[in-house]
Amino acid sequence: MKYNLEKINESISENIIDILDYFDIDYAIHSKYINFPCPIHCGDNDSGASILLGDSLVWKCFTNQCHNDYGNGIINFITALLDTRENKKHNFVETLEWIINFTKCDAINKEEDKEDFDKTNFIQLCKYINRNKKSVPTFTPRELVKTFLKIPAEYYINRGYGEEVLHKFDVGYCFNPNKSFYDRIITPFYDEDGRYMIGCSGRSKHEQCPKCKLYHLETTRCPLTKDERLRATKWKHNSSFPADAYLYNYWNAKAHILKTNTVILVEGSGDVWRLEEGGIYNSLGLLGAKFTQDQQIILEQSGALNLLIATDNDEAGNKIVTHITEKCKKLFNIKRVQYPGKDPGGLTIEQVKEIFIPILERI
């Protein structure tokens, strides 16, 4: 049989959400991409992998580089999902047959009128762009941000963070029903001067349902429609916020970086908060286990001479240390900080002081 790959890729684009749901992938949808923990190596980083939306879908695993083993095309991704779920290898034709059966697409190779084809592509693009009808306004004044958040967020207090640090970073619950991040725990991302919110992340206040793997009240039924499932994702992020061109906490840390000539790189915002509670004020968050050229430029402009890396104690964290070291070895004096546990956010305040302060004093 001669397969029409153009038709098959089109059917994947139209049904990508259903495919992710079928494989029980917990995703967050943006206007141009979809983020999720990589299901191929069972990652736990919510932005560890992504699918770039557009005419041709492509995927990438940032945390373990799984796409290098399969290829970064969307059909390769589905092959990887099938291999992982069924614990056996699938060839290209077997994957195409699965896609055809799942999406009910017509894979017979036949010519299509160009006008109809362009129309179909336009409709697909509009569908993706319109998935998130609302977004938090870009460059929202910080004082305005505080008016629709209940600060501090009780959720993070229950996870061991103090009220003072949550107030400092304006981490709170969005109680305004007119906001697209309503009913979520919000972490604002501010500009270099800390005056305007340029993006934010919103975590569900609910825990994961063991049945549907989404996040909703135990007393309510599991989400059924696509809109309900979107509201029940663990994370929601600004579609326009360039997280990979940003370092969390730079607005607070830049003066301390100049004073100490040192930057401490961690992965998440919670790691930054814990170091702050321990009296360490020069940490920056990568917002994931990746390091980009834009982030490197921020480091170079910070005035730092020393770079301490305190990424997570896992495979992804180890890989990012290697990557950062290779990129920055000629620019900074680099040292990896050794500590117990999974990440700095899991340390006690006393452990932070015992581990980080002596290192900073010796530099």
Protein backbone atom coordinates (compact mmCIF):
# COMPACT_ATOMS: atom_id res chain seq x y z
CA MET A 1 0.00 0.00 0.00
CA LYS A 2 1.27 3.48 -0.84
CA TYR A 3 0.73 5.80 2.13
CA ASN A 4 0.00 9.47 1.82
CA LEU A 5 2.35 10.87 4.48
CA GLU A 6 1.02 14.37 3.98
CA LYS A 7 -2.46 13.18 4.89
CA ILE A 8 -1.15 11.19 7.84
CA ASN A 9 0.76 14.15 9.25
CA GLU A 10 -2.35 16.29 8.77
CA SER A 11 -4.44 13.79 10.71
CA ILE A 12 -1.90 13.77 13.53
CA SER A 13 -2.07 17.59 13.71
CA GLU A 14 -5.86 17.47 13.93
CA ASN A 15 -5.84 14.75 16.60
CA ILE A 16 -2.69 15.45 18.58
CA ILE A 17 -4.58 16.20 21.80
CA ASP A 18 -6.54 12.96 21.54
CA ILE A 19 -3.29 11.08 20.93
CA LEU A 20 -1.69 12.59 24.03
CA ASP A 21 -4.81 11.77 26.03
CA TYR A 22 -4.73 8.17 24.75
CA PHE A 23 -1.21 7.75 26.10
CA ASP A 24 -2.13 9.44 29.43
CA ILE A 25 0.33 12.30 28.94
CA ASP A 26 -0.09 15.28 31.27
CA TYR A 27 0.41 18.27 28.98
CA ALA A 28 0.20 22.07 28.99
CA ILE A 29 -0.88 23.75 25.73
CA HIS A 30 0.59 27.01 24.46
CA SER A 31 -0.13 28.81 21.21
CA LYS A 32 3.00 27.46 19.49
CA TYR A 33 3.92 24.32 21.41
CA ILE A 34 2.77 21.71 23.93
CA ASN A 35 4.88 20.91 27.02
CA PHE A 36 4.83 17.65 28.97
CA PRO A 37 7.06 15.32 31.01
CA CYS A 38 8.84 13.03 28.55
CA PRO A 39 6.90 9.73 28.54
CA ILE A 40 9.69 7.86 26.78
CA HIS A 41 12.08 7.89 29.73
CA CYS A 42 9.30 8.50 32.30
CA GLY A 43 10.55 11.99 33.16
CA ASP A 44 8.99 14.11 35.91
CA ASN A 45 9.85 17.58 34.54
CA ASP A 46 6.59 19.15 33.37
CA SER A 47 8.39 21.06 30.61
CA GLY A 48 10.94 18.34 29.90
CA ALA A 49 9.61 17.65 26.40
CA SER A 50 7.57 19.55 23.86
CA ILE A 51 5.83 19.35 20.52
CA LEU A 52 6.26 22.36 18.27
CA LEU A 53 2.96 23.19 16.61
CA GLY A 54 2.80 24.24 12.99
CA ASP A 55 2.47 22.81 9.52
CA SER A 56 4.82 19.94 10.45
CA LEU A 57 4.82 18.84 14.09
CA VAL A 58 8.18 18.09 15.65
CA TRP A 59 9.03 16.96 19.16
CA LYS A 60 12.02 17.20 21.45
CA CYS A 61 13.00 15.76 24.82
CA PHE A 62 15.03 18.43 26.62
CA THR A 63 15.83 16.37 29.70
CA ASN A 64 17.11 13.09 28.22
CA GLN A 65 17.40 13.82 24.49
CA CYS A 66 15.13 10.86 23.67
CA HIS A 67 14.40 12.35 20.25
CA ASN A 68 17.97 11.55 19.25
CA ASP A 69 17.16 7.84 19.54
CA TYR A 70 13.98 7.98 17.45
CA GLY A 71 14.10 11.15 15.34
CA ASN A 72 12.24 14.38 16.03
CA GLY A 73 9.36 13.96 13.58
CA ILE A 74 5.90 13.49 15.07
CA ILE A 75 5.60 10.01 13.53
CA ASN A 76 8.88 9.12 15.25
CA PHE A 77 7.37 10.35 18.51
CA ILE A 78 4.35 8.09 18.12
CA THR A 79 6.68 5.18 17.36
CA ALA A 80 8.50 5.91 20.61
CA LEU A 81 5.19 6.03 22.51
CA LEU A 82 4.09 2.69 21.05
CA ASP A 83 7.45 1.09 21.83
CA THR A 84 7.28 2.34 25.41
CA ARG A 85 3.67 1.35 26.06
CA GLU A 86 3.77 -2.08 24.40
CA ASN A 87 7.38 -2.84 25.37
CA LYS A 88 8.33 -3.88 21.85
CA LYS A 89 9.76 -2.27 18.75
CA HIS A 90 7.45 -0.93 16.02
CA ASN A 91 8.58 -0.34 12.48
CA PHE A 92 7.54 2.64 10.39
CA VAL A 93 4.67 0.86 8.66
CA GLU A 94 3.24 -0.43 11.95
CA THR A 95 3.23 3.11 13.29
CA LEU A 96 1.48 4.43 10.18
CA GLU A 97 -1.18 1.71 10.49
CA TRP A 98 -1.77 2.65 14.14
CA ILE A 99 -2.15 6.33 13.22
CA ILE A 100 -4.57 5.53 10.40
CA ASN A 101 -6.70 3.34 12.66
CA PHE A 102 -6.67 5.82 15.53
CA THR A 103 -7.40 8.98 13.53
CA LYS A 104 -9.64 7.33 10.90
CA CYS A 105 -7.76 9.19 8.19
CA ASP A 106 -7.80 8.36 4.49
CA ALA A 107 -4.22 7.44 3.69
CA ILE A 108 -4.79 6.64 0.03
CA ASN A 109 -2.32 8.63 -1.98
CA LYS A 110 -4.30 10.94 -4.21
CA GLU A 111 -3.84 14.47 -5.43
CA GLU A 112 -5.60 17.18 -3.53
CA ASP A 113 -6.68 20.54 -4.82
CA LYS A 114 -4.12 23.10 -3.61
CA GLU A 115 -6.82 25.54 -2.51
CA ASP A 116 -8.46 22.89 -0.35
CA PHE A 117 -5.09 21.90 1.10
CA ASP A 118 -4.22 25.51 2.02
CA LYS A 119 -7.66 25.93 3.55
CA THR A 120 -7.19 22.82 5.68
CA ASN A 121 -3.81 24.01 6.92
CA PHE A 122 -5.27 27.41 7.80
CA ILE A 123 -8.10 25.81 9.77
CA GLN A 124 -5.65 23.60 11.67
CA LEU A 125 -3.46 26.56 12.58
CA CYS A 126 -6.46 28.56 13.78
CA LYS A 127 -7.57 25.67 15.96
CA TYR A 128 -4.22 25.61 17.76
CA ILE A 129 -3.97 29.36 18.14
CA ASN A 130 -7.48 29.56 19.60
CA ARG A 131 -7.06 26.79 22.19
CA ASN A 132 -6.08 29.34 24.83
CA LYS A 133 -8.69 32.04 24.41
CA LYS A 134 -7.25 34.21 27.16
CA SER A 135 -3.78 35.04 28.42
CA VAL A 136 -2.30 37.04 31.23
CA PRO A 137 -1.44 40.49 29.82
CA THR A 138 2.22 41.00 29.01
CA PHE A 139 4.06 43.65 31.06
CA THR A 140 1.46 43.85 33.82
CA PRO A 141 2.55 46.27 36.60
CA ARG A 142 3.62 44.40 39.70
CA GLU A 143 1.22 46.26 41.96
CA LEU A 144 -1.67 45.25 39.70
CA VAL A 145 -0.57 41.61 39.80
CA LYS A 146 -0.94 41.61 43.57
CA THR A 147 -4.55 42.76 43.35
CA PHE A 148 -5.77 39.49 41.85
CA LEU A 149 -3.63 37.15 43.95
CA LYS A 150 -4.12 35.97 47.50
CA ILE A 151 -0.56 36.04 48.84
CA PRO A 152 1.01 33.92 50.26
CA ALA A 153 -0.13 30.72 48.56
CA GLU A 154 -1.34 28.28 51.18
CA TYR A 155 -0.37 25.41 48.86
CA TYR A 156 3.34 26.25 49.16
CA ILE A 157 3.09 26.98 52.88
CA ASN A 158 1.85 23.41 53.26
CA ARG A 159 4.92 22.29 51.31
CA GLY A 160 7.23 23.90 53.84
CA TYR A 161 7.94 27.37 52.43
CA GLY A 162 7.66 30.38 54.72
CA GLU A 163 5.19 33.22 54.28
CA GLU A 164 7.97 35.80 54.05
CA VAL A 165 9.64 34.32 50.97
CA LEU A 166 6.29 33.78 49.23
CA HIS A 167 5.43 37.43 49.86
CA LYS A 168 8.80 38.48 48.46
CA PHE A 169 8.13 36.62 45.21
CA ASP A 170 4.37 37.37 45.12
CA VAL A 171 3.45 33.68 44.99
CA GLY A 172 -0.30 33.44 45.50
CA TYR A 173 -3.67 32.02 44.59
CA CYS A 174 -5.54 33.64 41.67
CA PHE A 175 -9.06 34.32 42.96
CA ASN A 176 -10.22 36.56 40.10
CA PRO A 177 -12.62 34.55 37.86
CA ASN A 178 -12.00 36.97 34.98
CA LYS A 179 -8.35 35.91 34.74
CA SER A 180 -7.28 33.02 32.54
CA PHE A 181 -5.21 31.62 35.43
CA TYR A 182 -8.19 31.65 37.81
CA ASP A 183 -8.17 28.99 40.56
CA ARG A 184 -4.46 28.24 40.15
CA ILE A 185 -1.38 28.89 42.29
CA ILE A 186 0.57 31.60 40.49
CA THR A 187 4.31 32.21 40.32
CA PRO A 188 4.89 35.57 38.55
CA PHE A 189 7.98 36.16 36.41
CA TYR A 190 9.16 39.77 36.54
CA ASP A 191 11.33 41.84 34.24
CA GLU A 192 14.94 42.77 34.98
CA ASP A 193 13.89 45.63 37.25
CA GLY A 194 11.10 43.72 39.01
CA ARG A 195 8.50 46.29 37.97
CA TYR A 196 6.41 44.36 35.45
CA MET A 197 5.18 40.81 35.18
CA ILE A 198 6.28 39.42 31.82
CA GLY A 199 4.87 35.94 32.34
CA CYS A 200 3.76 33.46 34.95
CA SER A 201 3.11 29.81 35.64
CA GLY A 202 -0.04 28.49 37.26
CA ARG A 203 -0.15 25.20 39.15
CA SER A 204 -3.36 23.40 39.90
CA LYS A 205 -4.24 23.56 43.59
CA HIS A 206 -5.55 19.99 43.37
CA GLU A 207 -3.61 16.77 43.49
CA GLN A 208 -3.47 14.19 40.72
CA CYS A 209 -6.50 11.97 40.28
CA PRO A 210 -5.45 8.28 40.28
CA LYS A 211 -8.11 7.49 37.69
CA CYS A 212 -7.69 10.09 34.94
CA LYS A 213 -4.19 11.33 35.94
CA LEU A 214 -5.45 14.93 35.76
CA TYR A 215 -5.86 17.44 38.62
CA HIS A 216 -9.32 18.12 40.02
CA LEU A 217 -11.42 17.85 43.18
CA GLU A 218 -11.82 14.32 44.48
CA THR A 219 -15.54 14.90 44.82
CA THR A 220 -16.10 15.80 41.15
CA ARG A 221 -16.17 13.50 38.15
CA CYS A 222 -13.14 13.16 35.94
CA PRO A 223 -12.93 15.70 33.08
CA LEU A 224 -14.55 14.52 29.86
CA THR A 225 -14.40 17.29 27.29
CA LYS A 226 -11.22 18.83 25.91
CA ASP A 227 -11.93 22.13 27.67
CA GLU A 228 -12.42 20.34 30.98
CA ARG A 229 -9.17 18.43 30.51
CA LEU A 230 -7.31 21.64 29.74
CA ARG A 231 -8.60 23.19 32.95
CA ALA A 232 -7.45 20.11 34.86
CA THR A 233 -3.82 20.09 33.71
CA LYS A 234 -1.15 20.33 36.39
CA TRP A 235 0.49 23.43 34.90
CA LYS A 236 -0.55 26.33 32.73
CA HIS A 237 1.95 28.81 31.26
CA ASN A 238 1.82 32.03 29.30
CA SER A 239 1.86 31.23 25.60
CA SER A 240 3.90 34.35 24.82
CA PHE A 241 6.47 34.05 27.62
CA PRO A 242 9.94 32.98 26.36
CA ALA A 243 10.98 30.87 29.35
CA ASP A 244 14.09 29.59 27.60
CA ALA A 245 15.36 33.17 27.23
CA TYR A 246 14.90 33.98 30.92
CA LEU A 247 16.51 33.37 34.31
CA TYR A 248 14.11 33.45 37.25
CA ASN A 249 14.91 35.89 40.08
CA TYR A 250 17.35 38.06 38.13
CA TRP A 251 15.47 41.16 39.26
CA ASN A 252 16.28 40.33 42.90
CA ALA A 253 19.65 38.65 42.46
CA LYS A 254 21.53 41.02 40.14
CA ALA A 255 22.81 43.33 42.92
CA HIS A 256 23.95 40.34 45.01
CA ILE A 257 25.65 38.80 41.97
CA LEU A 258 27.69 41.97 41.46
CA LYS A 259 28.55 42.10 45.15
CA THR A 260 29.69 38.46 45.35
CA ASN A 261 30.87 38.00 41.74
CA THR A 262 28.98 34.72 41.89
CA VAL A 263 25.86 33.15 40.39
CA ILE A 264 24.21 29.99 41.67
CA LEU A 265 22.20 28.22 38.96
CA VAL A 266 19.27 26.03 40.02
CA GLU A 267 16.44 24.52 38.00
CA GLY A 268 13.19 25.71 39.54
CA SER A 269 11.58 28.62 41.35
CA GLY A 270 11.16 26.52 44.50
CA ASP A 271 14.93 26.02 44.63
CA VAL A 272 15.41 29.79 44.49
CA TRP A 273 12.93 30.28 47.34
CA ARG A 274 14.66 27.76 49.59
CA LEU A 275 18.08 29.33 49.03
CA GLU A 276 16.58 32.75 49.80
CA GLU A 277 15.27 31.40 53.09
CA GLY A 278 18.78 30.24 53.88
CA GLY A 279 20.24 33.69 53.24
CA ILE A 280 21.52 32.95 49.72
CA TYR A 281 20.36 35.78 47.46
CA ASN A 282 22.30 35.28 44.23
CA SER A 283 20.55 32.23 42.76
CA LEU A 284 18.89 32.13 39.35
CA GLY A 285 16.37 29.57 38.09
CA LEU A 286 16.68 27.94 34.67
CA LEU A 287 12.98 27.00 34.74
CA GLY A 288 13.85 23.50 33.58
CA ALA A 289 16.78 21.25 32.82
CA LYS A 290 18.05 23.14 29.80
CA PHE A 291 20.45 25.99 29.13
CA THR A 292 20.12 28.31 26.15
CA GLN A 293 22.28 30.89 24.45
CA ASP A 294 19.97 33.66 25.68
CA GLN A 295 20.45 32.49 29.26
CA GLN A 296 24.20 32.40 28.74
CA ILE A 297 24.10 36.02 27.57
CA ILE A 298 22.28 37.03 30.78
CA LEU A 299 25.01 35.34 32.82
CA GLU A 300 27.73 37.09 30.86
CA GLN A 301 26.06 40.45 31.40
CA SER A 302 25.54 39.84 35.12
CA GLY A 303 29.15 40.62 36.00
CA ALA A 304 29.71 37.24 37.65
CA LEU A 305 33.11 35.56 37.65
CA ASN A 306 32.07 32.39 39.46
CA LEU A 307 29.33 29.99 38.47
CA LEU A 308 28.01 27.48 41.00
CA ILE A 309 25.71 24.85 39.52
CA ALA A 310 23.13 23.26 41.83
CA THR A 311 20.82 21.51 39.38
CA ASP A 312 18.80 18.45 40.41
CA ASN A 313 20.51 15.23 41.44
CA ASP A 314 19.15 13.17 38.56
CA GLU A 315 20.14 12.20 35.05
CA ALA A 316 18.73 15.39 33.55
CA GLY A 317 20.51 17.51 36.15
CA ASN A 318 23.78 15.76 35.41
CA LYS A 319 23.40 16.36 31.69
CA ILE A 320 22.72 20.06 32.11
CA VAL A 321 25.85 20.41 34.28
CA THR A 322 27.92 18.93 31.45
CA HIS A 323 26.23 21.19 28.92
CA ILE A 324 26.69 24.38 30.96
CA THR A 325 30.29 23.52 31.75
CA GLU A 326 31.09 22.99 28.08
CA LYS A 327 29.45 26.27 27.08
CA CYS A 328 30.83 28.41 29.89
CA LYS A 329 34.19 26.89 30.90
CA LYS A 330 36.11 29.75 29.29
CA LEU A 331 33.90 32.42 30.82
CA PHE A 332 33.52 31.49 34.49
CA ASN A 333 35.14 29.62 37.34
CA ILE A 334 32.66 26.71 37.50
CA LYS A 335 31.88 24.39 40.38
CA ARG A 336 29.04 21.95 40.95
CA VAL A 337 27.50 22.08 44.42
CA GLN A 338 27.04 18.68 46.03
CA TYR A 339 24.06 18.29 48.36
CA PRO A 340 21.80 15.47 49.62
CA GLY A 341 18.37 14.79 48.16
CA LYS A 342 16.75 15.46 44.80
CA ASP A 343 16.88 19.26 44.54
CA PRO A 344 17.77 22.34 46.61
CA GLY A 345 14.08 22.99 47.24
CA GLY A 346 13.97 19.82 49.30
CA LEU A 347 16.73 20.92 51.68
CA THR A 348 16.05 22.38 55.09
CA ILE A 349 17.05 25.98 55.75
CA GLU A 350 19.86 24.76 58.03
CA GLN A 351 21.16 22.46 55.29
CA VAL A 352 21.21 25.37 52.85
CA LYS A 353 23.31 27.40 55.27
CA GLU A 354 25.66 24.52 56.03
CA ILE A 355 26.23 23.65 52.37
CA PHE A 356 26.20 26.92 50.43
CA ILE A 357 27.59 29.55 52.80
CA PRO A 358 31.01 27.85 53.26
CA ILE A 359 31.35 27.50 49.46
CA LEU A 360 30.58 31.18 48.94
CA GLU A 361 33.04 32.17 51.68
CA ARG A 362 35.86 30.17 50.05
CA ILE A 363 35.41 31.77 46.62
